[in-house]
N, C-alpha and C. Protein backbone atom coordinates (compact mmCIF):
# COMPACT_ATOMS: atom_id res chain seq x y z
N MET A 1 -17.97 0.54 -6.03
CA MET A 1 -16.87 1.36 -6.72
C MET A 1 -16.68 2.52 -6.37
N ILE A 2 -17.46 3.24 -5.06
CA ILE A 2 -17.17 4.33 -4.55
C ILE A 2 -16.10 3.93 -3.61
N GLN A 3 -15.99 2.91 -3.01
CA GLN A 3 -15.01 2.03 -2.05
C GLN A 3 -14.07 2.24 -2.68
N GLN A 4 -13.66 1.98 -4.15
CA GLN A 4 -12.27 1.53 -4.65
C GLN A 4 -11.79 3.34 -4.36
N PHE A 5 -12.64 3.97 -4.86
CA PHE A 5 -11.98 5.58 -4.94
C PHE A 5 -11.49 6.08 -3.55
N GLY A 6 -12.53 5.42 -2.53
CA GLY A 6 -11.89 5.60 -1.38
C GLY A 6 -10.66 5.03 -0.73
N THR A 7 -10.45 4.05 -1.08
CA THR A 7 -8.98 3.13 -1.10
C THR A 7 -8.13 4.12 -1.72
N ASP A 8 -8.22 4.43 -3.10
CA ASP A 8 -7.39 5.33 -3.69
C ASP A 8 -6.78 6.40 -3.15
N ILE A 9 -8.05 7.52 -2.22
CA ILE A 9 -7.53 8.85 -2.01
C ILE A 9 -6.91 8.27 -0.54
N ALA A 10 -7.22 7.44 -0.12
CA ALA A 10 -6.52 6.98 1.14
C ALA A 10 -5.03 6.84 0.94
N LYS A 11 -4.63 5.66 0.00
CA LYS A 11 -3.29 5.46 -0.38
C LYS A 11 -2.48 6.73 -0.78
N PHE A 12 -3.32 7.62 -1.65
CA PHE A 12 -2.60 8.81 -2.13
C PHE A 12 -2.27 9.75 -0.87
N VAL A 13 -3.29 10.11 0.12
CA VAL A 13 -2.95 10.98 0.80
C VAL A 13 -1.62 10.17 2.16
N ARG A 14 -1.87 8.76 2.37
CA ARG A 14 -0.85 8.17 3.44
C ARG A 14 0.67 8.40 2.43
N ASN A 15 0.52 8.39 1.43
CA ASN A 15 2.13 8.70 1.06
C ASN A 15 2.48 9.80 0.59
N GLY A 16 2.08 10.82 0.85
CA GLY A 16 2.37 12.42 1.22
C GLY A 16 1.97 13.08 0.07
N ALA A 17 0.57 12.57 -0.75
CA ALA A 17 -0.13 12.94 -1.65
C ALA A 17 0.73 13.15 -2.79
N PRO A 18 1.15 12.46 -3.25
CA PRO A 18 2.34 12.95 -4.84
C PRO A 18 1.47 12.75 -5.87
N ILE A 19 1.58 14.27 -6.64
CA ILE A 19 1.05 14.42 -7.66
C ILE A 19 1.78 13.93 -8.99
N VAL A 20 1.20 13.71 -10.02
CA VAL A 20 2.29 13.26 -11.14
C VAL A 20 2.54 14.69 -12.19
N THR A 21 3.84 14.59 -12.78
CA THR A 21 4.24 15.47 -13.48
C THR A 21 2.74 15.80 -14.61
N LYS A 22 2.90 17.11 -15.11
CA LYS A 22 1.87 17.31 -16.61
C LYS A 22 1.75 16.28 -17.59
N GLY A 23 2.97 15.89 -17.93
CA GLY A 23 3.30 14.87 -18.97
C GLY A 23 2.90 13.73 -18.77
N GLN A 24 2.82 13.30 -17.46
CA GLN A 24 2.37 11.79 -17.26
C GLN A 24 0.55 11.94 -17.03
N TYR A 25 0.28 12.93 -16.25
CA TYR A 25 -0.98 13.14 -16.39
C TYR A 25 -1.79 13.48 -17.71
N GLN A 26 -1.06 13.77 -18.89
CA GLN A 26 -1.75 13.92 -20.11
C GLN A 26 -1.88 12.80 -20.31
N THR A 27 -0.41 11.91 -20.23
CA THR A 27 -0.38 10.80 -20.82
C THR A 27 -1.93 9.70 -20.63
N ARG A 28 -1.54 9.73 -19.09
CA ARG A 28 -2.72 8.88 -18.52
C ARG A 28 -4.11 9.44 -19.12
N ILE A 29 -4.49 10.58 -19.12
CA ILE A 29 -5.77 10.84 -19.48
C ILE A 29 -5.84 10.54 -20.81
N GLY A 30 -4.81 10.28 -21.77
CA GLY A 30 -5.08 10.29 -22.95
C GLY A 30 -5.54 8.80 -23.15
N ILE A 31 -4.79 8.03 -22.55
CA ILE A 31 -5.10 6.59 -22.13
C ILE A 31 -6.72 6.08 -22.16
N CYS A 32 -6.86 6.62 -21.05
CA CYS A 32 -8.16 6.48 -20.32
C CYS A 32 -9.25 7.09 -21.81
N ASN A 33 -8.77 8.29 -22.30
CA ASN A 33 -9.95 8.89 -23.21
C ASN A 33 -10.18 7.66 -24.50
N ALA A 34 -9.23 7.29 -24.83
CA ALA A 34 -9.28 5.96 -26.05
C ALA A 34 -9.66 4.83 -25.10
N CYS A 35 -9.87 4.33 -24.11
CA CYS A 35 -10.08 3.57 -23.31
C CYS A 35 -11.78 2.96 -23.87
N GLU A 36 -12.18 1.38 -23.74
CA GLU A 36 -13.22 1.26 -24.53
C GLU A 36 -14.03 1.16 -22.80
N HIS A 37 -13.46 1.55 -21.71
CA HIS A 37 -14.40 1.21 -20.55
C HIS A 37 -14.97 2.63 -19.61
N ILE A 38 -14.01 3.80 -20.38
CA ILE A 38 -14.37 4.87 -19.98
C ILE A 38 -15.98 5.52 -20.42
N ARG A 39 -16.52 6.16 -19.27
CA ARG A 39 -17.75 6.82 -19.44
C ARG A 39 -17.67 8.17 -19.77
N HIS A 40 -17.41 8.35 -21.29
CA HIS A 40 -17.34 9.88 -21.37
C HIS A 40 -18.09 10.99 -20.81
N LYS A 41 -19.22 11.09 -20.75
CA LYS A 41 -20.26 11.99 -20.18
C LYS A 41 -19.54 12.49 -18.92
N THR A 42 -19.38 11.33 -18.05
CA THR A 42 -18.81 11.83 -16.53
C THR A 42 -17.08 11.61 -16.46
N PHE A 43 -16.40 11.33 -17.71
CA PHE A 43 -15.09 10.73 -17.37
C PHE A 43 -14.73 9.98 -16.47
N SER A 44 -15.59 9.00 -16.38
CA SER A 44 -15.29 7.99 -15.15
C SER A 44 -15.26 6.83 -15.62
N CYS A 45 -14.46 5.88 -15.00
CA CYS A 45 -14.03 4.43 -15.43
C CYS A 45 -15.21 3.52 -15.14
N GLY A 46 -15.27 2.66 -16.03
CA GLY A 46 -16.40 1.59 -16.04
C GLY A 46 -15.93 0.38 -15.09
N GLN A 47 -14.83 0.22 -14.95
CA GLN A 47 -13.82 -0.58 -14.30
C GLN A 47 -14.28 -0.53 -13.00
N CYS A 48 -13.41 0.69 -12.23
CA CYS A 48 -13.28 0.85 -10.80
C CYS A 48 -14.45 2.33 -10.71
N GLY A 49 -15.05 3.08 -11.16
CA GLY A 49 -16.02 4.00 -10.94
C GLY A 49 -15.25 4.96 -10.82
N CYS A 50 -14.08 4.99 -10.31
CA CYS A 50 -13.51 6.63 -10.36
C CYS A 50 -13.84 7.56 -11.33
N ASN A 51 -13.41 8.90 -10.76
CA ASN A 51 -13.59 9.85 -11.95
C ASN A 51 -12.28 9.95 -11.92
N MET A 52 -11.84 9.69 -13.53
CA MET A 52 -10.72 9.69 -13.90
C MET A 52 -9.60 10.92 -14.17
N THR A 53 -10.45 12.44 -14.19
CA THR A 53 -9.43 13.44 -13.99
C THR A 53 -8.90 13.67 -12.82
N LEU A 54 -9.67 13.09 -11.89
CA LEU A 54 -8.82 13.11 -10.36
C LEU A 54 -7.84 12.10 -10.14
N LYS A 55 -8.21 11.02 -10.36
CA LYS A 55 -7.43 9.66 -9.92
C LYS A 55 -6.11 9.65 -10.66
N ALA A 56 -6.32 10.27 -11.78
CA ALA A 56 -5.00 10.32 -12.84
C ALA A 56 -4.31 11.02 -12.30
N LYS A 57 -4.39 12.21 -11.64
CA LYS A 57 -3.27 12.98 -10.98
C LYS A 57 -2.59 12.45 -9.93
N PHE A 58 -3.16 11.28 -9.28
CA PHE A 58 -2.29 10.58 -8.03
C PHE A 58 -1.28 9.78 -8.50
N GLY A 59 -0.28 10.36 -7.86
CA GLY A 59 1.05 9.50 -8.39
C GLY A 59 0.81 7.89 -7.62
N THR A 60 -0.03 7.89 -6.50
CA THR A 60 -0.29 6.65 -6.09
C THR A 60 -1.31 5.62 -6.85
N SER A 61 -1.96 6.21 -7.72
CA SER A 61 -2.94 5.37 -8.73
C SER A 61 -2.44 4.79 -9.53
N LYS A 62 -3.54 3.57 -10.18
CA LYS A 62 -2.95 2.58 -11.35
C LYS A 62 -4.41 2.62 -11.91
N CYS A 63 -4.19 2.17 -13.33
CA CYS A 63 -5.73 1.51 -14.07
C CYS A 63 -6.16 0.28 -13.09
N PRO A 64 -6.88 0.02 -13.41
CA PRO A 64 -7.48 -1.40 -13.05
C PRO A 64 -7.52 -2.07 -13.58
N ILE A 65 -6.89 -1.83 -14.88
CA ILE A 65 -6.80 -2.86 -15.91
C ILE A 65 -5.57 -3.03 -16.38
N ASP A 66 -4.47 -2.26 -16.05
CA ASP A 66 -2.88 -1.93 -16.28
C ASP A 66 -2.79 -1.43 -17.04
N LYS A 67 -3.92 -0.09 -17.99
CA LYS A 67 -2.96 0.57 -18.83
C LYS A 67 -1.69 1.33 -18.74
N TRP A 68 -1.83 1.90 -17.76
CA TRP A 68 -1.23 2.64 -16.65
C TRP A 68 -0.91 2.07 -15.20
N GLY A 69 0.29 2.84 -14.70
CA GLY A 69 0.72 2.28 -13.25
C GLY A 69 1.10 3.68 -12.47
N THR A 70 1.50 3.02 -11.36
CA THR A 70 1.57 4.39 -10.43
C THR A 70 3.09 4.85 -10.76
N GLU A 71 3.43 5.87 -10.20
CA GLU A 71 4.86 6.85 -10.59
C GLU A 71 5.64 6.82 -9.33
N ILE A 72 5.36 6.28 -8.62
CA ILE A 72 6.03 6.15 -7.27
C ILE A 72 6.26 4.77 -6.72
N LYS A 73 7.33 4.18 -6.04
CA LYS A 73 7.51 3.30 -5.44
C LYS A 73 6.62 3.48 -4.35
N LYS A 74 6.24 1.84 -3.96
CA LYS A 74 5.29 1.81 -2.55
C LYS A 74 6.49 1.98 -1.47
N LYS A 75 5.67 2.30 -0.22
CA LYS A 75 6.66 2.31 0.94
C LYS A 75 6.48 0.69 1.59
C-alpha cells in the first residue's frame, strides 16, 4: 500500500505537481468521507492505503475504485 502512494507522488511530481482547486479538493474529500473504505481515524483509504488529505490534493491522482478521477490530461 505504501508503494501505491509512492507511485502517486512520483506521477504528481513528474507532471509538474498540479494541485486541484479548492472546490475539487472539497468534493474529493466529501466523497472519501462518505466512502465505506475510508479509515476515519487516519483518513486513509482501505483500498490503496493512501492518506487522502494529501492524495486528494494531487491533480494526477484518482480514487482506486473510481469514485473520483484525475483533473489533468495525462502526458
